[in-house]
Amino acid sequence: MQTLWQNNNTNLHCIGGFLSMFIAFIHLVLLFWSTEFQSFVEPSIVNISESQFSSAILAFGMNITLVLVLFIFGLYGLSAGQKIRSLPFLKKIIFFIAGFYLLRGFTYLLFDLVYINNKVPFILIYSGTSILTGVIYLLGGLWKVESAPQATHS
């Protein structure tokens, strides 16, 4: 039974890692299709004021930062799945990633349903993907802790 737990743990972390990298890639693709990016590259194409241009730069920078963070999360997932070498603070960061995705999914869902109340199918897709990824990381992390060899004190 120990082998089955270890295989599930490895598979879940690999799925979570690839899912994080896919989400990062989707963020990057959507960033280059957005109006903010177009106004950042060529402000004269879109007639915007200087304050709107500076907020577009801020949105662009935040999205690039998010892409990098999500990619690093993917690397940690692959590391926990033993597809790449072990990264530092692996167990703690796996649980942090799980918490990040779960918090992101639930707050995005609650905030948008309460305050914005439109585009509900997209909100459900975004939130559902974040929650699913968080659950994958959480289960993989719990299984990793549970299947870890226990130290015996003699």
N, C-alpha and C. Protein backbone atom coordinates (compact mmCIF):
# COMPACT_ATOMS: atom_id res chain seq x y z
N MET A 1 0.83 -1.21 0.00
CA MET A 1 0.00 0.00 0.00
C MET A 1 0.86 1.25 0.00
N GLN A 2 2.04 1.16 0.59
CA GLN A 2 2.95 2.31 0.65
C GLN A 2 3.31 2.79 -0.76
N THR A 3 3.50 1.84 -1.69
CA THR A 3 3.88 2.22 -3.04
C THR A 3 2.75 2.99 -3.73
N LEU A 4 1.51 2.56 -3.51
CA LEU A 4 0.38 3.24 -4.10
C LEU A 4 0.30 4.68 -3.63
N TRP A 5 0.52 4.91 -2.32
CA TRP A 5 0.50 6.27 -1.78
C TRP A 5 1.60 7.11 -2.41
N GLN A 6 2.78 6.55 -2.53
CA GLN A 6 3.90 7.30 -3.09
C GLN A 6 3.64 7.63 -4.56
N ASN A 7 3.06 6.69 -5.32
CA ASN A 7 2.75 6.96 -6.73
C ASN A 7 1.70 8.06 -6.85
N ASN A 8 0.65 7.99 -6.02
CA ASN A 8 -0.37 9.04 -6.07
C ASN A 8 0.22 10.39 -5.70
N ASN A 9 1.08 10.40 -4.70
CA ASN A 9 1.72 11.63 -4.26
C ASN A 9 2.54 12.22 -5.40
N THR A 10 3.34 11.40 -6.04
CA THR A 10 4.17 11.86 -7.14
C THR A 10 3.32 12.35 -8.31
N ASN A 11 2.28 11.58 -8.64
CA ASN A 11 1.41 11.97 -9.74
C ASN A 11 0.69 13.27 -9.45
N LEU A 12 0.18 13.44 -8.23
CA LEU A 12 -0.53 14.67 -7.89
C LEU A 12 0.38 15.88 -7.98
N HIS A 13 1.60 15.75 -7.48
CA HIS A 13 2.52 16.88 -7.54
C HIS A 13 2.90 17.21 -8.98
N CYS A 14 3.07 16.19 -9.81
CA CYS A 14 3.38 16.46 -11.22
C CYS A 14 2.20 17.13 -11.92
N ILE A 15 0.99 16.66 -11.63
CA ILE A 15 -0.20 17.29 -12.20
C ILE A 15 -0.29 18.74 -11.73
N GLY A 16 -0.09 18.97 -10.43
CA GLY A 16 -0.12 20.33 -9.89
C GLY A 16 0.96 21.20 -10.50
N GLY A 17 2.15 20.65 -10.68
CA GLY A 17 3.25 21.42 -11.27
C GLY A 17 2.97 21.81 -12.71
N PHE A 18 2.50 20.84 -13.50
CA PHE A 18 2.18 21.16 -14.89
C PHE A 18 0.99 22.09 -15.00
N LEU A 19 0.02 21.94 -14.09
CA LEU A 19 -1.14 22.83 -14.08
C LEU A 19 -0.72 24.26 -13.74
N SER A 20 0.19 24.42 -12.79
CA SER A 20 0.69 25.76 -12.45
C SER A 20 1.41 26.39 -13.64
N MET A 21 2.23 25.60 -14.32
CA MET A 21 2.94 26.13 -15.48
C MET A 21 1.97 26.47 -16.61
N PHE A 22 0.92 25.67 -16.77
CA PHE A 22 -0.10 25.96 -17.78
C PHE A 22 -0.83 27.25 -17.45
N ILE A 23 -1.18 27.45 -16.18
CA ILE A 23 -1.85 28.68 -15.76
C ILE A 23 -0.94 29.88 -16.00
N ALA A 24 0.36 29.72 -15.73
CA ALA A 24 1.32 30.81 -15.98
C ALA A 24 1.36 31.12 -17.47
N PHE A 25 1.38 30.09 -18.31
CA PHE A 25 1.40 30.29 -19.76
C PHE A 25 0.14 31.00 -20.24
N ILE A 26 -1.01 30.60 -19.72
CA ILE A 26 -2.28 31.25 -20.10
C ILE A 26 -2.26 32.72 -19.68
N HIS A 27 -1.76 33.01 -18.48
CA HIS A 27 -1.65 34.41 -18.05
C HIS A 27 -0.76 35.20 -19.00
N LEU A 28 0.32 34.60 -19.44
CA LEU A 28 1.24 35.28 -20.35
C LEU A 28 0.59 35.53 -21.70
N VAL A 29 -0.11 34.55 -22.23
CA VAL A 29 -0.79 34.70 -23.52
C VAL A 29 -1.86 35.78 -23.42
N LEU A 30 -2.67 35.73 -22.37
CA LEU A 30 -3.73 36.72 -22.21
C LEU A 30 -3.16 38.12 -21.99
N LEU A 31 -2.01 38.20 -21.38
CA LEU A 31 -1.37 39.50 -21.15
C LEU A 31 -1.04 40.17 -22.48
N PHE A 32 -0.53 39.40 -23.42
CA PHE A 32 -0.15 39.98 -24.70
C PHE A 32 -1.34 40.28 -25.59
N TRP A 33 -2.50 39.76 -25.26
CA TRP A 33 -3.71 40.09 -26.00
C TRP A 33 -4.46 41.25 -25.38
N SER A 34 -4.07 41.67 -24.21
CA SER A 34 -4.86 42.67 -23.49
C SER A 34 -4.60 44.08 -24.01
N THR A 35 -5.54 44.95 -23.74
CA THR A 35 -5.43 46.35 -24.10
C THR A 35 -4.30 47.02 -23.34
N GLU A 36 -4.08 46.59 -22.09
CA GLU A 36 -3.00 47.18 -21.29
C GLU A 36 -1.65 46.96 -21.96
N PHE A 37 -1.45 45.77 -22.50
CA PHE A 37 -0.18 45.50 -23.15
C PHE A 37 -0.05 46.32 -24.43
N GLN A 38 -1.11 46.41 -25.19
CA GLN A 38 -1.07 47.19 -26.42
C GLN A 38 -0.78 48.66 -26.12
N SER A 39 -1.39 49.19 -25.06
CA SER A 39 -1.13 50.58 -24.71
C SER A 39 0.26 50.76 -24.13
N PHE A 40 0.82 49.72 -23.51
CA PHE A 40 2.18 49.78 -22.98
C PHE A 40 3.20 49.82 -24.12
N VAL A 41 2.97 48.99 -25.14
CA VAL A 41 3.91 48.92 -26.26
C VAL A 41 3.79 50.17 -27.14
N GLU A 42 2.58 50.55 -27.48
CA GLU A 42 2.38 51.69 -28.38
C GLU A 42 1.22 52.53 -27.86
N PRO A 43 1.51 53.53 -26.99
CA PRO A 43 0.43 54.32 -26.39
C PRO A 43 -0.39 55.11 -27.41
N SER A 44 0.17 55.43 -28.55
CA SER A 44 -0.58 56.22 -29.51
C SER A 44 -1.67 55.41 -30.20
N ILE A 45 -1.57 54.08 -30.16
CA ILE A 45 -2.60 53.23 -30.77
C ILE A 45 -3.92 53.40 -30.02
N VAL A 46 -3.83 53.38 -28.72
CA VAL A 46 -5.00 53.53 -27.88
C VAL A 46 -4.90 54.90 -27.22
N ASN A 47 -5.89 55.74 -27.43
CA ASN A 47 -5.86 57.07 -26.85
C ASN A 47 -6.16 56.98 -25.35
N ILE A 48 -5.10 57.06 -24.57
CA ILE A 48 -5.27 57.03 -23.13
C ILE A 48 -4.45 58.15 -22.51
N SER A 49 -4.85 58.53 -21.32
CA SER A 49 -4.12 59.59 -20.62
C SER A 49 -2.88 59.01 -19.96
N GLU A 50 -2.05 59.90 -19.40
CA GLU A 50 -0.83 59.45 -18.73
C GLU A 50 -1.13 58.60 -17.50
N SER A 51 -2.17 58.96 -16.76
CA SER A 51 -2.50 58.18 -15.57
C SER A 51 -2.97 56.78 -15.95
N GLN A 52 -3.72 56.68 -17.05
CA GLN A 52 -4.13 55.36 -17.52
C GLN A 52 -2.93 54.58 -18.02
N PHE A 53 -1.97 55.25 -18.64
CA PHE A 53 -0.77 54.59 -19.13
C PHE A 53 0.05 54.05 -17.96
N SER A 54 0.17 54.83 -16.89
CA SER A 54 0.94 54.34 -15.73
C SER A 54 0.23 53.18 -15.05
N SER A 55 -1.10 53.17 -15.04
CA SER A 55 -1.80 52.03 -14.47
C SER A 55 -1.68 50.81 -15.38
N ALA A 56 -1.55 51.03 -16.68
CA ALA A 56 -1.33 49.91 -17.60
C ALA A 56 0.05 49.30 -17.37
N ILE A 57 1.04 50.14 -17.11
CA ILE A 57 2.38 49.64 -16.81
C ILE A 57 2.35 48.83 -15.51
N LEU A 58 1.63 49.35 -14.52
CA LEU A 58 1.51 48.64 -13.24
C LEU A 58 0.83 47.28 -13.44
N ALA A 59 -0.25 47.24 -14.21
CA ALA A 59 -0.96 45.98 -14.48
C ALA A 59 -0.05 45.01 -15.22
N PHE A 60 0.72 45.51 -16.17
CA PHE A 60 1.65 44.67 -16.92
C PHE A 60 2.71 44.08 -15.99
N GLY A 61 3.29 44.91 -15.15
CA GLY A 61 4.31 44.45 -14.21
C GLY A 61 3.77 43.43 -13.21
N MET A 62 2.56 43.66 -12.73
CA MET A 62 1.96 42.72 -11.79
C MET A 62 1.69 41.38 -12.46
N ASN A 63 1.23 41.41 -13.70
CA ASN A 63 0.96 40.16 -14.41
C ASN A 63 2.23 39.39 -14.72
N ILE A 64 3.29 40.09 -15.09
CA ILE A 64 4.57 39.41 -15.33
C ILE A 64 5.07 38.78 -14.03
N THR A 65 4.94 39.50 -12.91
CA THR A 65 5.33 38.95 -11.61
C THR A 65 4.51 37.71 -11.29
N LEU A 66 3.21 37.76 -11.53
CA LEU A 66 2.35 36.61 -11.29
C LEU A 66 2.75 35.42 -12.15
N VAL A 67 3.08 35.67 -13.41
CA VAL A 67 3.53 34.59 -14.30
C VAL A 67 4.79 33.93 -13.73
N LEU A 68 5.75 34.73 -13.27
CA LEU A 68 6.98 34.18 -12.71
C LEU A 68 6.70 33.37 -11.44
N VAL A 69 5.84 33.88 -10.57
CA VAL A 69 5.50 33.17 -9.33
C VAL A 69 4.81 31.85 -9.65
N LEU A 70 3.86 31.85 -10.58
CA LEU A 70 3.16 30.62 -10.94
C LEU A 70 4.11 29.61 -11.58
N PHE A 71 5.06 30.09 -12.36
CA PHE A 71 6.06 29.19 -12.95
C PHE A 71 6.93 28.56 -11.87
N ILE A 72 7.34 29.36 -10.89
CA ILE A 72 8.13 28.82 -9.77
C ILE A 72 7.30 27.80 -8.99
N PHE A 73 6.00 28.07 -8.80
CA PHE A 73 5.12 27.10 -8.16
C PHE A 73 5.13 25.79 -8.94
N GLY A 74 5.11 25.89 -10.26
CA GLY A 74 5.16 24.69 -11.09
C GLY A 74 6.45 23.92 -10.91
N LEU A 75 7.55 24.66 -10.79
CA LEU A 75 8.84 23.99 -10.55
C LEU A 75 8.83 23.25 -9.22
N TYR A 76 8.24 23.85 -8.19
CA TYR A 76 8.15 23.18 -6.89
C TYR A 76 7.25 21.95 -6.97
N GLY A 77 6.19 22.02 -7.75
CA GLY A 77 5.34 20.84 -7.93
C GLY A 77 6.09 19.71 -8.61
N LEU A 78 6.84 20.04 -9.64
CA LEU A 78 7.63 19.02 -10.33
C LEU A 78 8.74 18.49 -9.43
N SER A 79 9.29 19.34 -8.59
CA SER A 79 10.32 18.90 -7.66
C SER A 79 9.73 17.93 -6.63
N ALA A 80 8.54 18.24 -6.13
CA ALA A 80 7.88 17.34 -5.19
C ALA A 80 7.48 16.04 -5.86
N GLY A 81 7.19 16.10 -7.15
CA GLY A 81 6.86 14.90 -7.92
C GLY A 81 8.09 14.14 -8.39
N GLN A 82 9.25 14.60 -7.98
CA GLN A 82 10.54 13.97 -8.27
C GLN A 82 10.85 13.92 -9.76
N LYS A 83 10.38 14.93 -10.51
CA LYS A 83 10.72 15.04 -11.93
C LYS A 83 11.96 15.89 -12.13
N ILE A 84 12.24 16.78 -11.19
CA ILE A 84 13.47 17.58 -11.21
C ILE A 84 14.09 17.47 -9.82
N ARG A 85 15.30 18.02 -9.68
CA ARG A 85 15.99 17.89 -8.39
C ARG A 85 15.21 18.58 -7.27
N SER A 86 15.48 18.17 -6.06
CA SER A 86 14.77 18.69 -4.90
C SER A 86 15.13 20.16 -4.66
N LEU A 87 14.12 20.97 -4.44
CA LEU A 87 14.29 22.40 -4.19
C LEU A 87 14.22 22.66 -2.68
N PRO A 88 14.80 23.76 -2.21
CA PRO A 88 14.81 24.04 -0.77
C PRO A 88 13.40 24.31 -0.21
N PHE A 89 13.21 23.94 1.06
CA PHE A 89 11.97 24.17 1.79
C PHE A 89 10.75 23.56 1.08
N LEU A 90 10.93 22.40 0.49
CA LEU A 90 9.93 21.81 -0.39
C LEU A 90 8.59 21.58 0.30
N LYS A 91 8.58 20.92 1.45
CA LYS A 91 7.30 20.60 2.12
C LYS A 91 6.55 21.86 2.53
N LYS A 92 7.27 22.82 3.10
CA LYS A 92 6.61 24.06 3.55
C LYS A 92 6.04 24.83 2.37
N ILE A 93 6.79 24.89 1.28
CA ILE A 93 6.34 25.67 0.13
C ILE A 93 5.19 24.97 -0.59
N ILE A 94 5.16 23.64 -0.59
CA ILE A 94 4.02 22.93 -1.18
C ILE A 94 2.73 23.30 -0.46
N PHE A 95 2.78 23.36 0.87
CA PHE A 95 1.58 23.75 1.62
C PHE A 95 1.26 25.24 1.42
N PHE A 96 2.29 26.07 1.27
CA PHE A 96 2.05 27.49 0.98
C PHE A 96 1.36 27.64 -0.38
N ILE A 97 1.83 26.87 -1.37
CA ILE A 97 1.23 26.93 -2.71
C ILE A 97 -0.23 26.48 -2.65
N ALA A 98 -0.49 25.41 -1.91
CA ALA A 98 -1.87 24.94 -1.76
C ALA A 98 -2.74 26.04 -1.15
N GLY A 99 -2.24 26.68 -0.09
CA GLY A 99 -2.99 27.76 0.55
C GLY A 99 -3.19 28.94 -0.38
N PHE A 100 -2.16 29.27 -1.17
CA PHE A 100 -2.25 30.38 -2.11
C PHE A 100 -3.36 30.13 -3.13
N TYR A 101 -3.35 28.94 -3.74
CA TYR A 101 -4.37 28.64 -4.75
C TYR A 101 -5.77 28.57 -4.15
N LEU A 102 -5.90 27.97 -2.97
CA LEU A 102 -7.22 27.89 -2.34
C LEU A 102 -7.73 29.27 -1.96
N LEU A 103 -6.87 30.09 -1.38
CA LEU A 103 -7.27 31.45 -1.01
C LEU A 103 -7.63 32.26 -2.26
N ARG A 104 -6.81 32.14 -3.29
CA ARG A 104 -7.07 32.87 -4.54
C ARG A 104 -8.40 32.44 -5.14
N GLY A 105 -8.66 31.15 -5.17
CA GLY A 105 -9.90 30.65 -5.77
C GLY A 105 -11.13 31.08 -5.00
N PHE A 106 -11.11 30.91 -3.69
CA PHE A 106 -12.29 31.24 -2.89
C PHE A 106 -12.52 32.75 -2.80
N THR A 107 -11.46 33.54 -2.62
CA THR A 107 -11.68 34.99 -2.54
C THR A 107 -12.12 35.56 -3.88
N TYR A 108 -11.55 35.07 -4.97
CA TYR A 108 -11.96 35.56 -6.28
C TYR A 108 -13.43 35.24 -6.52
N LEU A 109 -13.82 34.03 -6.18
CA LEU A 109 -15.20 33.61 -6.35
C LEU A 109 -16.14 34.45 -5.50
N LEU A 110 -15.84 34.59 -4.21
CA LEU A 110 -16.72 35.34 -3.31
C LEU A 110 -16.76 36.82 -3.66
N PHE A 111 -15.60 37.42 -3.91
CA PHE A 111 -15.55 38.86 -4.22
C PHE A 111 -16.32 39.17 -5.49
N ASP A 112 -16.09 38.40 -6.54
CA ASP A 112 -16.75 38.70 -7.81
C ASP A 112 -18.23 38.39 -7.78
N LEU A 113 -18.63 37.36 -7.09
CA LEU A 113 -20.06 37.07 -7.02
C LEU A 113 -20.80 38.09 -6.18
N VAL A 114 -20.17 38.62 -5.13
CA VAL A 114 -20.83 39.59 -4.26
C VAL A 114 -20.80 40.99 -4.87
N TYR A 115 -19.65 41.43 -5.39
CA TYR A 115 -19.50 42.82 -5.81
C TYR A 115 -19.71 43.06 -7.30
N ILE A 116 -19.29 42.17 -8.15
CA ILE A 116 -19.37 42.44 -9.58
C ILE A 116 -20.62 41.83 -10.18
N ASN A 117 -20.90 40.57 -9.85
CA ASN A 117 -22.14 39.90 -10.21
C ASN A 117 -22.38 39.83 -11.72
N ASN A 118 -21.33 39.67 -12.51
CA ASN A 118 -21.49 39.41 -13.93
C ASN A 118 -20.38 38.46 -14.37
N LYS A 119 -20.45 37.99 -15.59
CA LYS A 119 -19.46 37.06 -16.14
C LYS A 119 -19.31 35.82 -15.25
N VAL A 120 -20.40 35.33 -14.73
CA VAL A 120 -20.36 34.22 -13.78
C VAL A 120 -19.67 32.98 -14.34
N PRO A 121 -19.90 32.55 -15.59
CA PRO A 121 -19.19 31.36 -16.07
C PRO A 121 -17.67 31.50 -16.01
N PHE A 122 -17.14 32.68 -16.34
CA PHE A 122 -15.70 32.87 -16.30
C PHE A 122 -15.18 32.84 -14.86
N ILE A 123 -15.95 33.42 -13.95
CA ILE A 123 -15.55 33.42 -12.54
C ILE A 123 -15.48 31.98 -12.04
N LEU A 124 -16.46 31.19 -12.41
CA LEU A 124 -16.46 29.79 -11.97
C LEU A 124 -15.29 29.02 -12.55
N ILE A 125 -14.92 29.30 -13.78
CA ILE A 125 -13.77 28.61 -14.40
C ILE A 125 -12.48 29.03 -13.71
N TYR A 126 -12.27 30.33 -13.54
CA TYR A 126 -11.03 30.81 -12.90
C TYR A 126 -10.93 30.30 -11.46
N SER A 127 -12.01 30.47 -10.71
CA SER A 127 -11.99 30.05 -9.31
C SER A 127 -11.88 28.54 -9.19
N GLY A 128 -12.62 27.83 -10.02
CA GLY A 128 -12.58 26.38 -9.98
C GLY A 128 -11.20 25.83 -10.29
N THR A 129 -10.53 26.43 -11.26
CA THR A 129 -9.17 26.00 -11.60
C THR A 129 -8.22 26.25 -10.44
N SER A 130 -8.33 27.41 -9.80
CA SER A 130 -7.46 27.70 -8.66
C SER A 130 -7.75 26.76 -7.49
N ILE A 131 -9.02 26.53 -7.22
CA ILE A 131 -9.38 25.63 -6.11
C ILE A 131 -8.92 24.21 -6.40
N LEU A 132 -9.12 23.74 -7.62
CA LEU A 132 -8.68 22.40 -7.99
C LEU A 132 -7.16 22.26 -7.85
N THR A 133 -6.43 23.24 -8.31
CA THR A 133 -4.98 23.20 -8.20
C THR A 133 -4.56 23.21 -6.73
N GLY A 134 -5.21 24.02 -5.91
CA GLY A 134 -4.90 24.06 -4.48
C GLY A 134 -5.17 22.73 -3.81
N VAL A 135 -6.29 22.09 -4.17
CA VAL A 135 -6.62 20.78 -3.58
C VAL A 135 -5.59 19.74 -4.02
N ILE A 136 -5.16 19.79 -5.27
CA ILE A 136 -4.14 18.85 -5.76
C ILE A 136 -2.85 19.00 -4.96
N TYR A 137 -2.38 20.24 -4.78
CA TYR A 137 -1.17 20.47 -3.99
C TYR A 137 -1.37 20.04 -2.53
N LEU A 138 -2.54 20.34 -1.96
CA LEU A 138 -2.80 19.99 -0.57
C LEU A 138 -2.81 18.48 -0.37
N LEU A 139 -3.53 17.75 -1.22
CA LEU A 139 -3.57 16.30 -1.10
C LEU A 139 -2.18 15.69 -1.32
N GLY A 140 -1.47 16.19 -2.32
CA GLY A 140 -0.12 15.70 -2.55
C GLY A 140 0.78 15.96 -1.36
N GLY A 141 0.65 17.14 -0.75
CA GLY A 141 1.46 17.47 0.42
C GLY A 141 1.10 16.62 1.63
N LEU A 142 -0.20 16.39 1.83
CA LEU A 142 -0.62 15.55 2.96
C LEU A 142 -0.16 14.12 2.77
N TRP A 143 -0.26 13.61 1.55
CA TRP A 143 0.20 12.25 1.28
C TRP A 143 1.71 12.15 1.42
N LYS A 144 2.41 13.23 1.05
CA LYS A 144 3.86 13.20 1.17
C LYS A 144 4.27 13.14 2.65
N VAL A 145 3.59 13.91 3.47
CA VAL A 145 3.89 13.91 4.91
C VAL A 145 3.51 12.56 5.52
N GLU A 146 2.35 12.03 5.11
CA GLU A 146 1.88 10.76 5.67
C GLU A 146 2.76 9.59 5.26
N SER A 147 3.26 9.61 4.02
CA SER A 147 4.07 8.49 3.53
C SER A 147 5.55 8.63 3.85
N ALA A 148 5.93 9.75 4.48
CA ALA A 148 7.35 9.94 4.84
C ALA A 148 7.71 8.95 5.94
N PRO A 149 8.91 8.40 5.87
CA PRO A 149 9.33 7.46 6.91
C PRO A 149 9.39 8.16 8.27
N GLN A 150 8.87 7.48 9.27
CA GLN A 150 8.87 8.04 10.62
C GLN A 150 10.21 7.78 11.29
N ALA A 151 10.72 8.77 11.97
CA ALA A 151 11.98 8.61 12.71
C ALA A 151 11.71 7.86 14.00
N THR A 152 12.54 6.90 14.27
CA THR A 152 12.38 6.15 15.51
C THR A 152 13.42 6.61 16.50
N HIS A 153 12.97 6.82 17.71
CA HIS A 153 13.88 7.25 18.78
C HIS A 153 14.14 6.06 19.70
N SER A 154 15.36 5.64 19.77
CA SER A 154 15.70 4.49 20.61
C SER A 154 16.38 4.94 21.87
